[in-house]
């Protein structure tokens, strides 16, 4: 799956859709946070319900994005592009 990463004033951005029927819950949030923590870049997860630190499972859960939610990942730092590519792959692979 090709990811379209673009530059914004806040860093690199990647738009995604949450393809989990029940929305984001603990297991996928933990997987996303674990993947994000591998990178030094500051990574933010933004949904219509708010903004969270993508490296924190609890922050991600606090967003409570529903199924099919639009998600914007913003990354800023030396390895921002690599982080977004990996997180895009993790999002695409998330299952219930």
C-alpha atoms as a PDB file:
ATOM      1  CA  UNK A   1       0.000   0.000   0.000  1.00  0.00           C
ATOM      2  CA  UNK A   2       1.463   3.334  -1.046  1.00  0.00           C
ATOM      3  CA  UNK A   3       1.386   6.091   1.529  1.00  0.00           C
ATOM      4  CA  UNK A   4       1.184   9.726   0.537  1.00  0.00           C
ATOM      5  CA  UNK A   5       3.372  11.685   2.904  1.00  0.00           C
ATOM      6  CA  UNK A   6       3.287  15.456   2.545  1.00  0.00           C
ATOM      7  CA  UNK A   7       5.075  18.347   4.166  1.00  0.00           C
ATOM      8  CA  UNK A   8       3.164  20.718   6.440  1.00  0.00           C
ATOM      9  CA  UNK A   9       4.256  23.603   8.679  1.00  0.00           C
ATOM     10  CA  UNK A  10       4.139  21.156  11.641  1.00  0.00           C
ATOM     11  CA  UNK A  11       6.224  18.456   9.936  1.00  0.00           C
ATOM     12  CA  UNK A  12       5.472  15.517   7.685  1.00  0.00           C
ATOM     13  CA  UNK A  13       1.878  14.357   7.524  1.00  0.00           C
ATOM     14  CA  UNK A  14       0.148  11.134   6.600  1.00  0.00           C
ATOM     15  CA  UNK A  15      -3.633  10.724   6.327  1.00  0.00           C
ATOM     16  CA  UNK A  16      -5.091   7.334   7.163  1.00  0.00           C
ATOM     17  CA  UNK A  17      -8.432   5.671   7.842  1.00  0.00           C
ATOM     18  CA  UNK A  18      -8.948   3.478  10.893  1.00  0.00           C
ATOM     19  CA  UNK A  19     -10.171   0.159   9.546  1.00  0.00           C
ATOM     20  CA  UNK A  20     -11.219  -1.429  12.824  1.00  0.00           C
ATOM     21  CA  UNK A  21     -14.918  -2.237  13.193  1.00  0.00           C
ATOM     22  CA  UNK A  22     -14.894  -1.408  16.893  1.00  0.00           C
ATOM     23  CA  UNK A  23     -12.673   1.640  16.659  1.00  0.00           C
ATOM     24  CA  UNK A  24      -9.259   1.900  18.281  1.00  0.00           C
ATOM     25  CA  UNK A  25      -8.960  -0.297  21.365  1.00  0.00           C
ATOM     26  CA  UNK A  26      -6.127  -1.383  23.638  1.00  0.00           C
ATOM     27  CA  UNK A  27      -4.312  -3.999  21.558  1.00  0.00           C
ATOM     28  CA  UNK A  28      -3.952  -1.947  18.345  1.00  0.00           C
ATOM     29  CA  UNK A  29      -3.204   1.202  20.353  1.00  0.00           C
ATOM     30  CA  UNK A  30      -0.379  -0.638  22.118  1.00  0.00           C
ATOM     31  CA  UNK A  31       0.953  -1.861  18.790  1.00  0.00           C
ATOM     32  CA  UNK A  32       0.906   1.638  17.303  1.00  0.00           C
ATOM     33  CA  UNK A  33       2.573   3.191  20.351  1.00  0.00           C
ATOM     34  CA  UNK A  34       5.254   0.495  20.403  1.00  0.00           C
ATOM     35  CA  UNK A  35       6.044   1.124  16.729  1.00  0.00           C
ATOM     36  CA  UNK A  36       6.116   4.902  17.252  1.00  0.00           C
ATOM     37  CA  UNK A  37       8.522   4.623  20.199  1.00  0.00           C
ATOM     38  CA  UNK A  38      11.162   3.120  17.901  1.00  0.00           C
ATOM     39  CA  UNK A  39      11.691   6.557  16.367  1.00  0.00           C
ATOM     40  CA  UNK A  40      13.152   9.743  17.785  1.00  0.00           C
ATOM     41  CA  UNK A  41      10.721  11.945  15.852  1.00  0.00           C
ATOM     42  CA  UNK A  42       7.881  13.645  17.684  1.00  0.00           C
ATOM     43  CA  UNK A  43       4.765  11.877  16.376  1.00  0.00           C
ATOM     44  CA  UNK A  44       1.250  13.199  16.934  1.00  0.00           C
ATOM     45  CA  UNK A  45      -1.996  11.430  16.139  1.00  0.00           C
ATOM     46  CA  UNK A  46      -4.908  13.725  15.282  1.00  0.00           C
ATOM     47  CA  UNK A  47      -8.544  12.724  14.868  1.00  0.00           C
ATOM     48  CA  UNK A  48     -11.802  14.652  15.026  1.00  0.00           C
ATOM     49  CA  UNK A  49     -11.833  13.917  18.760  1.00  0.00           C
ATOM     50  CA  UNK A  50      -8.464  15.482  19.531  1.00  0.00           C
ATOM     51  CA  UNK A  51      -4.702  15.127  19.364  1.00  0.00           C
ATOM     52  CA  UNK A  52      -2.422  12.670  21.149  1.00  0.00           C
ATOM     53  CA  UNK A  53       1.180  11.584  21.509  1.00  0.00           C
ATOM     54  CA  UNK A  54       1.435   8.554  19.222  1.00  0.00           C
ATOM     55  CA  UNK A  55       4.081   7.027  21.508  1.00  0.00           C
ATOM     56  CA  UNK A  56       1.609   6.742  24.382  1.00  0.00           C
ATOM     57  CA  UNK A  57      -0.975   3.980  24.304  1.00  0.00           C
ATOM     58  CA  UNK A  58      -3.077   5.804  26.891  1.00  0.00           C
ATOM     59  CA  UNK A  59      -3.001   9.021  24.889  1.00  0.00           C
ATOM     60  CA  UNK A  60      -4.095   7.115  21.785  1.00  0.00           C
ATOM     61  CA  UNK A  61      -6.920   5.440  23.685  1.00  0.00           C
ATOM     62  CA  UNK A  62      -8.086   8.804  24.987  1.00  0.00           C
ATOM     63  CA  UNK A  63      -8.923   9.800  21.412  1.00  0.00           C
ATOM     64  CA  UNK A  64     -11.379   6.891  21.150  1.00  0.00           C
ATOM     65  CA  UNK A  65     -11.568   7.147  17.362  1.00  0.00           C
ATOM     66  CA  UNK A  66     -14.503   5.165  15.973  1.00  0.00           C
ATOM     67  CA  UNK A  67     -14.429   2.780  13.039  1.00  0.00           C
ATOM     68  CA  UNK A  68     -13.567   4.462   9.757  1.00  0.00           C
ATOM     69  CA  UNK A  69     -12.234   7.543  11.550  1.00  0.00           C
ATOM     70  CA  UNK A  70      -9.962   9.822   9.592  1.00  0.00           C
ATOM     71  CA  UNK A  71      -6.547   9.903  11.263  1.00  0.00           C
ATOM     72  CA  UNK A  72      -3.745  12.356  10.613  1.00  0.00           C
ATOM     73  CA  UNK A  73      -0.261  11.411  11.753  1.00  0.00           C
ATOM     74  CA  UNK A  74       2.200  14.278  12.079  1.00  0.00           C
ATOM     75  CA  UNK A  75       5.895  13.596  12.565  1.00  0.00           C
ATOM     76  CA  UNK A  76       8.733  16.008  13.095  1.00  0.00           C
ATOM     77  CA  UNK A  77      12.356  14.966  13.439  1.00  0.00           C
ATOM     78  CA  UNK A  78      15.273  13.241  11.740  1.00  0.00           C
ATOM     79  CA  UNK A  79      13.463   9.960  11.163  1.00  0.00           C
ATOM     80  CA  UNK A  80       9.968  11.371  10.622  1.00  0.00           C
ATOM     81  CA  UNK A  81       9.522   9.881   7.146  1.00  0.00           C
ATOM     82  CA  UNK A  82      10.603   6.409   8.243  1.00  0.00           C
ATOM     83  CA  UNK A  83       8.282   6.620  11.253  1.00  0.00           C
ATOM     84  CA  UNK A  84       5.286   7.552   9.117  1.00  0.00           C
ATOM     85  CA  UNK A  85       6.014   4.788   6.633  1.00  0.00           C
ATOM     86  CA  UNK A  86       6.115   2.196   9.397  1.00  0.00           C
ATOM     87  CA  UNK A  87       3.041   3.534  11.169  1.00  0.00           C
ATOM     88  CA  UNK A  88       1.165   3.589   7.871  1.00  0.00           C
ATOM     89  CA  UNK A  89       2.022  -0.083   7.421  1.00  0.00           C
ATOM     90  CA  UNK A  90       0.921  -0.854  10.991  1.00  0.00           C
ATOM     91  CA  UNK A  91      -2.394   0.971  10.417  1.00  0.00           C
ATOM     92  CA  UNK A  92      -2.972  -1.017   7.223  1.00  0.00           C
ATOM     93  CA  UNK A  93      -2.298  -4.254   9.086  1.00  0.00           C
ATOM     94  CA  UNK A  94      -4.492  -3.571  12.123  1.00  0.00           C
ATOM     95  CA  UNK A  95      -7.184  -6.155  12.724  1.00  0.00           C
ATOM     96  CA  UNK A  96      -9.812  -6.682  15.402  1.00  0.00           C
END
